[in-house]
Protein backbone atom coordinates (compact mmCIF):
# COMPACT_ATOMS: atom_id res chain seq x y z
CA UNK A 1 -9.28 -15.33 15.10
CA UNK A 2 -7.16 -12.55 13.61
CA UNK A 3 -3.42 -12.60 14.21
CA UNK A 4 -0.23 -11.17 12.76
CA UNK A 5 1.12 -13.29 9.92
CA UNK A 6 4.18 -15.47 10.49
CA UNK A 7 6.89 -16.26 7.94
CA UNK A 8 5.66 -19.86 7.92
CA UNK A 9 2.27 -18.62 6.56
CA UNK A 10 3.75 -17.16 3.38
CA UNK A 11 3.06 -20.07 0.99
CA UNK A 12 -0.58 -20.25 2.11
CA UNK A 13 -0.98 -16.49 1.66
CA UNK A 14 0.58 -16.60 -1.81
CA UNK A 15 -1.77 -19.42 -2.79
CA UNK A 16 -4.83 -17.48 -1.55
CA UNK A 17 -3.60 -14.31 -3.30
CA UNK A 18 -2.87 -16.08 -6.60
CA UNK A 19 -6.17 -17.99 -6.79
CA UNK A 20 -8.08 -14.90 -5.68
CA UNK A 21 -6.32 -12.73 -8.26
CA UNK A 22 -7.19 -15.14 -11.07
CA UNK A 23 -10.82 -15.28 -9.94
CA UNK A 24 -11.38 -11.57 -9.27
CA UNK A 25 -9.26 -10.28 -12.15
CA UNK A 26 -10.37 -12.58 -14.96
CA UNK A 27 -9.95 -9.60 -17.30
CA UNK A 28 -6.16 -9.64 -16.83
CA UNK A 29 -3.99 -12.34 -18.40
CA UNK A 30 -3.14 -15.13 -15.93
CA UNK A 31 0.55 -14.85 -16.87
CA UNK A 32 0.64 -11.39 -15.30
CA UNK A 33 -0.35 -12.80 -11.90
CA UNK A 34 2.10 -15.68 -12.28
CA UNK A 35 4.86 -13.14 -12.97
CA UNK A 36 4.06 -11.38 -9.67
CA UNK A 37 4.33 -14.41 -7.36
CA UNK A 38 7.99 -14.01 -6.40
CA UNK A 39 7.64 -10.28 -5.74
CA UNK A 40 4.58 -10.89 -3.56
CA UNK A 41 6.49 -13.56 -1.64
CA UNK A 42 9.85 -11.80 -1.33
CA UNK A 43 8.87 -8.13 -1.21
CA UNK A 44 5.24 -7.08 -0.87
CA UNK A 45 3.95 -9.29 1.93
CA UNK A 46 7.13 -9.00 4.05
CA UNK A 47 7.12 -5.18 3.73
CA UNK A 48 3.44 -4.92 4.70
CA UNK A 49 1.68 -5.11 8.02
CA UNK A 50 -0.16 -8.35 7.32
CA UNK A 51 -2.78 -10.09 9.43
CA UNK A 52 -4.47 -13.41 8.79
CA UNK A 53 -7.89 -14.60 9.81
CA UNK A 54 -8.28 -18.24 10.75
CA UNK A 55 -11.19 -20.63 10.89
CA UNK A 56 -10.59 -23.79 12.93
CA UNK A 57 -6.85 -22.98 12.77
CA UNK A 58 -6.89 -22.87 8.94
CA UNK A 59 -6.01 -19.54 7.30
CA UNK A 60 -9.16 -18.23 5.62
CA UNK A 61 -7.75 -14.95 4.33
CA UNK A 62 -5.42 -12.03 4.93
CA UNK A 63 -5.15 -8.27 4.81
CA UNK A 64 -1.99 -6.28 4.13
CA UNK A 65 -1.54 -2.61 4.99
CA UNK A 66 1.30 -0.23 4.12
CA UNK A 67 0.72 2.71 6.45
CA UNK A 68 -2.86 3.83 5.58
CA UNK A 69 -2.92 2.05 2.23
CA UNK A 70 -4.80 -1.24 1.93
CA UNK A 71 -2.40 -3.18 -0.30
CA UNK A 72 -4.22 -6.53 -0.25
CA UNK A 73 -7.40 -8.15 1.05
CA UNK A 74 -7.85 -11.72 -0.10
CA UNK A 75 -10.17 -14.44 1.18
CA UNK A 76 -9.82 -18.12 0.30
CA UNK A 77 -12.66 -19.04 -2.07
CA UNK A 78 -14.01 -21.55 0.44
CA UNK A 79 -14.57 -18.73 2.97
CA UNK A 80 -15.92 -15.99 0.69
CA UNK A 81 -19.32 -14.34 1.20
CA UNK A 82 -19.58 -15.15 4.90
CA UNK A 83 -18.29 -11.93 6.49
CA UNK A 84 -14.61 -12.88 6.64
CA UNK A 85 -13.48 -9.97 4.45
CA UNK A 86 -15.62 -7.52 6.41
CA UNK A 87 -14.15 -8.80 9.67
CA UNK A 88 -10.59 -8.19 8.43
CA UNK A 89 -11.54 -4.77 7.07
CA UNK A 90 -13.14 -3.76 10.37
CA UNK A 91 -10.02 -4.95 12.19
CA UNK A 92 -7.84 -2.43 10.32
CA UNK A 93 -10.51 0.30 10.45
CA UNK A 94 -10.32 0.21 14.26
CA UNK A 95 -6.60 1.03 14.04
CA UNK A 96 -6.76 3.90 11.54
CA UNK A 97 -8.54 7.18 10.85
CA UNK A 98 -8.27 6.84 7.07
CA UNK A 99 -7.66 4.05 4.56
CA UNK A 100 -7.00 4.30 0.83
CA UNK A 101 -6.95 1.53 -1.74
CA UNK A 102 -6.98 0.94 -5.47
CA UNK A 103 -9.36 -1.51 -7.08
CA UNK A 104 -9.86 -2.39 -10.73
CA UNK A 105 -13.02 -0.82 -12.16
CA UNK A 106 -13.91 -4.16 -13.80
CA UNK A 107 -13.78 -5.92 -10.43
CA UNK A 108 -17.39 -4.94 -9.72
CA UNK A 109 -17.74 -7.37 -6.80
CA UNK A 110 -14.85 -5.71 -4.95
CA UNK A 111 -16.04 -2.18 -5.81
CA UNK A 112 -19.48 -3.07 -4.41
CA UNK A 113 -17.89 -4.61 -1.28
CA UNK A 114 -15.81 -1.51 -0.55
CA UNK A 115 -18.72 0.88 -1.18
CA UNK A 116 -20.91 -1.19 1.15
CA UNK A 117 -18.17 -0.87 3.78
CA UNK A 118 -17.99 2.92 3.65
CA UNK A 119 -15.40 3.56 0.95
CA UNK A 120 -15.99 6.26 -1.67
CA UNK A 121 -14.44 6.61 -5.11
CA UNK A 122 -12.02 9.54 -5.11
CA UNK A 123 -10.46 9.23 -8.55
CA UNK A 124 -10.33 7.07 -11.66
CA UNK A 125 -6.81 6.07 -12.72
CA UNK A 126 -5.05 3.77 -15.16
CA UNK A 127 -2.87 1.03 -13.70
CA UNK A 128 0.48 1.39 -15.45
CA UNK A 129 1.35 -2.32 -15.28
CA UNK A 130 -1.91 -3.67 -16.75
CA UNK A 131 -3.26 -0.59 -18.58
CA UNK A 132 -6.64 -1.25 -16.89
CA UNK A 133 -8.88 1.39 -15.31
CA UNK A 134 -8.93 1.44 -11.52
CA UNK A 135 -10.52 3.46 -8.77
CA UNK A 136 -8.72 5.15 -5.93
CA UNK A 137 -11.12 4.66 -3.01
CA UNK A 138 -11.00 6.07 0.49
CA UNK A 139 -12.60 5.49 3.86
CA UNK A 140 -12.32 7.82 6.84
CA UNK A 141 -13.63 7.69 10.39
CA UNK A 142 -15.27 11.11 10.17
């Protein structure tokens, strides 16, 4: 089931985000992700349109949108590679004509996932905070 996130979900979402960030972004120092926890909790998730996906009432993952920008898509490691991420992505695709996102170039699993789900690389950029290369990717209904 996909539903809007509630304030009471925040600690679970932060835990999924943090563990997922460490796993997917092994090429970035773990201290960077630790330094982002409070901002994620206090600013980024509350300012986003966030939905969670549940499996037997347990939160399996979440997606956060800011207008047409996909700010976060994280799936609990126990629920990865079973279509959960695709289900969340399709949920937001049904509500929009276009979606943009940024993904680290070194995160080849995510790049492959987004390409497989209709996203194309528009530009290569450098993330100012980490100095790592990233792709600006885009999906559109047309």
